[in-house]
């Protein structure tokens, strides 16, 4: 029986890892930021940005585990408030990138301090209600009361999600960092990448505005 339970738990983890990997690699503001930091400032900055995104996942996990996300889903006013703040922040980042053209820059003087890189990665995730609603819908699918505390399980699964987010984003950023030398002699490509990244962030903010709370 113990062997069967172990195999069953192993299958749960495999399914969760696969589902998380699919979600993490899907285009979004967090991996765009990690990619941009890798191109602009190298592997360390990309890893720091990825750490910020992973921290945001943990905030959503804790909120979902202890009911804040559920409250957000049932309270129209709270949901709209968080949605507007999150959308405004993403759109702000996108417009700033489009105007300043410095989200991806190889000029050392324009590089962001790592503390700023971390905070941008963190808040772009925390202020986006989409990950919160996703975590709320996603994590309980893997929890089973027969295996113990559902809250503990959700925290464990959320930690796995956050860790996978960090690892994949950091790898994407590290790969991007290898392209920075190639970009030095191609400023037009860097400019197009800035435009693409800025438009992606603005688009992500607009998509956040279209989210529904799921309130019946």
Protein backbone atom coordinates (compact mmCIF):
# COMPACT_ATOMS: atom_id res chain seq x y z
CA UNK A 1 0.00 0.00 0.00
CA UNK A 2 2.80 2.40 0.90
CA UNK A 3 4.45 1.68 -2.45
CA UNK A 4 1.21 2.43 -4.28
CA UNK A 5 0.79 5.70 -2.39
CA UNK A 6 4.38 6.68 -3.21
CA UNK A 7 3.82 5.94 -6.89
CA UNK A 8 0.58 7.91 -6.80
CA UNK A 9 2.29 10.89 -5.22
CA UNK A 10 5.09 10.64 -7.75
CA UNK A 11 2.53 10.77 -10.57
CA UNK A 12 1.00 13.88 -9.00
CA UNK A 13 4.38 15.62 -8.92
CA UNK A 14 5.09 14.64 -12.54
CA UNK A 15 1.77 16.03 -13.72
CA UNK A 16 2.31 19.21 -11.75
CA UNK A 17 5.83 19.69 -13.12
CA UNK A 18 4.59 19.24 -16.67
CA UNK A 19 1.68 21.64 -16.17
CA UNK A 20 3.92 24.22 -14.46
CA UNK A 21 6.52 23.98 -17.22
CA UNK A 22 3.88 24.66 -19.88
CA UNK A 23 2.62 27.69 -17.97
CA UNK A 24 6.09 29.06 -17.25
CA UNK A 25 7.29 28.92 -20.86
CA UNK A 26 4.14 30.62 -22.15
CA UNK A 27 4.94 34.22 -23.22
CA UNK A 28 4.19 36.78 -20.53
CA UNK A 29 5.58 39.86 -18.78
CA UNK A 30 7.72 37.88 -16.33
CA UNK A 31 9.71 35.93 -18.89
CA UNK A 32 9.94 39.03 -21.09
CA UNK A 33 11.57 40.85 -18.16
CA UNK A 34 13.98 37.97 -17.50
CA UNK A 35 14.87 37.82 -21.19
CA UNK A 36 15.40 41.58 -21.30
CA UNK A 37 17.63 41.57 -18.21
CA UNK A 38 19.68 38.74 -19.68
CA UNK A 39 20.23 40.65 -22.91
CA UNK A 40 20.97 43.92 -21.13
CA UNK A 41 22.86 43.01 -17.99
CA UNK A 42 23.77 39.34 -18.17
CA UNK A 43 22.99 36.13 -16.34
CA UNK A 44 23.08 37.53 -12.81
CA UNK A 45 20.48 40.21 -13.53
CA UNK A 46 18.30 37.66 -15.33
CA UNK A 47 18.51 35.34 -12.33
CA UNK A 48 17.61 38.22 -9.98
CA UNK A 49 14.60 39.15 -12.13
CA UNK A 50 13.58 35.47 -12.14
CA UNK A 51 13.92 35.37 -8.36
CA UNK A 52 11.55 38.33 -8.13
CA UNK A 53 8.98 36.53 -10.29
CA UNK A 54 9.34 33.38 -8.17
CA UNK A 55 8.79 35.49 -5.04
CA UNK A 56 5.61 36.81 -6.62
CA UNK A 57 4.41 33.26 -7.24
CA UNK A 58 4.93 32.51 -3.55
CA UNK A 59 2.89 35.58 -2.57
CA UNK A 60 0.04 34.34 -4.76
CA UNK A 61 0.46 30.84 -3.30
CA UNK A 62 0.20 32.05 0.28
CA UNK A 63 -2.76 34.26 -0.63
CA UNK A 64 -4.55 31.38 -2.34
CA UNK A 65 -3.75 28.98 0.49
CA UNK A 66 -5.15 31.24 3.18
CA UNK A 67 -8.11 32.65 1.27
CA UNK A 68 -7.13 36.08 -0.06
CA UNK A 69 -7.41 34.95 -3.68
CA UNK A 70 -10.79 33.42 -2.92
CA UNK A 71 -11.87 36.73 -1.41
CA UNK A 72 -10.56 38.52 -4.49
CA UNK A 73 -12.58 36.13 -6.65
CA UNK A 74 -15.82 36.79 -4.77
CA UNK A 75 -15.39 40.52 -4.07
CA UNK A 76 -15.90 42.50 -7.27
CA UNK A 77 -14.55 45.73 -5.78
CA UNK A 78 -11.35 44.13 -4.45
CA UNK A 79 -10.77 42.26 -7.69
CA UNK A 80 -11.21 45.41 -9.78
CA UNK A 81 -8.92 47.39 -7.50
CA UNK A 82 -6.10 44.83 -7.79
CA UNK A 83 -6.75 44.43 -11.51
CA UNK A 84 -6.51 48.17 -12.20
CA UNK A 85 -3.30 48.55 -10.19
CA UNK A 86 -1.70 45.54 -11.86
CA UNK A 87 -2.74 46.56 -15.36
CA UNK A 88 -1.54 50.13 -14.79
CA UNK A 89 1.86 48.87 -13.59
CA UNK A 90 2.36 46.60 -16.61
CA UNK A 91 1.23 49.31 -19.04
CA UNK A 92 3.54 51.79 -17.28
CA UNK A 93 6.50 49.43 -17.72
CA UNK A 94 5.61 48.93 -21.38
CA UNK A 95 5.20 52.63 -22.18
CA UNK A 96 8.41 53.42 -20.32
CA UNK A 97 10.24 50.81 -22.40
CA UNK A 98 8.76 52.20 -25.63
CA UNK A 99 9.66 55.80 -24.79
CA UNK A 100 13.09 55.32 -23.23
CA UNK A 101 14.10 52.30 -25.34
CA UNK A 102 16.24 51.14 -22.41
CA UNK A 103 14.56 47.91 -21.31
CA UNK A 104 17.19 46.22 -23.45
CA UNK A 105 20.35 48.31 -23.47
CA UNK A 106 24.03 47.48 -23.67
CA UNK A 107 25.11 50.83 -22.22
CA UNK A 108 26.54 50.24 -18.77
CA UNK A 109 25.44 53.65 -17.50
CA UNK A 110 21.79 52.71 -18.12
CA UNK A 111 21.87 49.38 -16.32
CA UNK A 112 19.45 48.99 -13.43
CA UNK A 113 20.70 48.22 -9.92
CA UNK A 114 20.01 44.60 -9.00
CA UNK A 115 17.69 45.72 -6.21
CA UNK A 116 15.56 47.51 -8.82
CA UNK A 117 15.67 44.48 -11.12
CA UNK A 118 14.40 42.33 -8.24
CA UNK A 119 11.59 44.72 -7.31
CA UNK A 120 10.37 45.09 -10.90
CA UNK A 121 10.31 41.31 -11.35
CA UNK A 122 8.50 40.89 -8.05
CA UNK A 123 5.85 43.57 -8.46
CA UNK A 124 5.11 42.77 -12.11
CA UNK A 125 4.00 39.36 -10.83
CA UNK A 126 2.38 40.33 -7.52
CA UNK A 127 0.31 43.16 -9.02
CA UNK A 128 -0.96 40.94 -11.81
CA UNK A 129 -4.15 39.15 -10.65
CA UNK A 130 -3.86 36.60 -13.45
CA UNK A 131 -1.22 34.47 -11.66
CA UNK A 132 -3.25 34.71 -8.45
CA UNK A 133 -6.40 33.38 -10.08
CA UNK A 134 -4.37 30.74 -11.91
CA UNK A 135 -2.75 29.54 -8.68
CA UNK A 136 -6.16 29.45 -7.00
CA UNK A 137 -7.55 27.27 -9.79
CA UNK A 138 -4.39 25.25 -10.36
CA UNK A 139 -2.92 24.19 -7.03
CA UNK A 140 -6.06 22.63 -5.49
CA UNK A 141 -6.20 20.20 -8.43
CA UNK A 142 -3.16 18.43 -6.99
CA UNK A 143 -4.14 18.55 -3.31
CA UNK A 144 -5.77 15.54 -1.68
CA UNK A 145 -7.12 15.63 1.88
CA UNK A 146 -6.30 11.94 2.28
CA UNK A 147 -2.61 12.81 2.09
CA UNK A 148 -2.72 15.27 4.97
CA UNK A 149 -3.14 19.03 5.32
CA UNK A 150 -4.39 20.59 2.09
CA UNK A 151 -2.81 23.91 3.06
CA UNK A 152 0.62 22.31 3.48
CA UNK A 153 0.24 20.55 0.14
CA UNK A 154 -0.67 23.81 -1.60
CA UNK A 155 2.34 25.55 -0.10
CA UNK A 156 4.58 22.69 -1.27
CA UNK A 157 3.10 22.70 -4.77
CA UNK A 158 3.35 26.49 -4.91
CA UNK A 159 7.00 26.28 -3.91
CA UNK A 160 7.62 23.80 -6.73
CA UNK A 161 5.88 26.18 -9.15
CA UNK A 162 8.00 29.10 -7.90
CA UNK A 163 11.22 27.07 -8.13
CA UNK A 164 10.44 25.96 -11.66
CA UNK A 165 9.64 29.57 -12.58
CA UNK A 166 13.01 30.69 -11.25
CA UNK A 167 14.99 27.92 -12.98
CA UNK A 168 13.35 28.27 -16.41
CA UNK A 169 13.40 32.07 -16.42
CA UNK A 170 17.02 32.12 -15.27
CA UNK A 171 17.98 29.69 -18.04
CA UNK A 172 16.14 31.82 -20.62
CA UNK A 173 17.96 34.90 -19.32
CA UNK A 174 21.32 33.11 -19.38
CA UNK A 175 20.74 32.08 -22.99
CA UNK A 176 19.79 35.66 -23.84
CA UNK A 177 22.97 36.91 -22.15
CA UNK A 178 25.02 34.92 -24.66
CA UNK A 179 23.42 36.97 -27.44
CA UNK A 180 24.41 40.33 -25.96
CA UNK A 181 27.75 40.36 -27.76
CA UNK A 182 25.97 39.78 -31.05
CA UNK A 183 23.62 42.70 -30.31
CA UNK A 184 26.45 45.16 -29.70
CA UNK A 185 27.06 45.51 -33.42
CA UNK A 186 23.35 45.47 -34.25
CA UNK A 187 21.67 48.43 -32.51
CA UNK A 188 18.67 48.23 -34.85
CA UNK A 189 17.91 44.72 -33.59
CA UNK A 190 18.11 45.91 -29.98
CA UNK A 191 15.71 48.74 -30.82
CA UNK A 192 13.21 46.29 -32.33
CA UNK A 193 13.52 44.05 -29.29
CA UNK A 194 12.78 47.04 -27.05
CA UNK A 195 9.68 47.81 -29.09
CA UNK A 196 8.53 44.20 -28.99
CA UNK A 197 9.13 43.92 -25.23
CA UNK A 198 7.35 47.23 -24.58
CA UNK A 199 4.34 46.24 -26.67
CA UNK A 200 4.22 42.86 -24.94
CA UNK A 201 4.06 44.51 -21.51
CA UNK A 202 1.37 46.94 -22.66
CA UNK A 203 -0.56 44.04 -24.18
CA UNK A 204 -0.24 42.09 -20.93
CA UNK A 205 -1.68 45.05 -19.05
CA UNK A 206 -4.62 45.28 -21.46
CA UNK A 207 -5.23 41.54 -21.08
CA UNK A 208 -5.28 41.95 -17.32
CA UNK A 209 -8.07 44.50 -17.76
CA UNK A 210 -10.08 41.89 -19.65
CA UNK A 211 -9.85 39.32 -16.83
CA UNK A 212 -13.06 38.28 -15.13
CA UNK A 213 -13.13 37.50 -11.42
CA UNK A 214 -15.06 34.27 -11.82
CA UNK A 215 -17.74 35.58 -9.46
CA UNK A 216 -20.98 33.75 -10.00
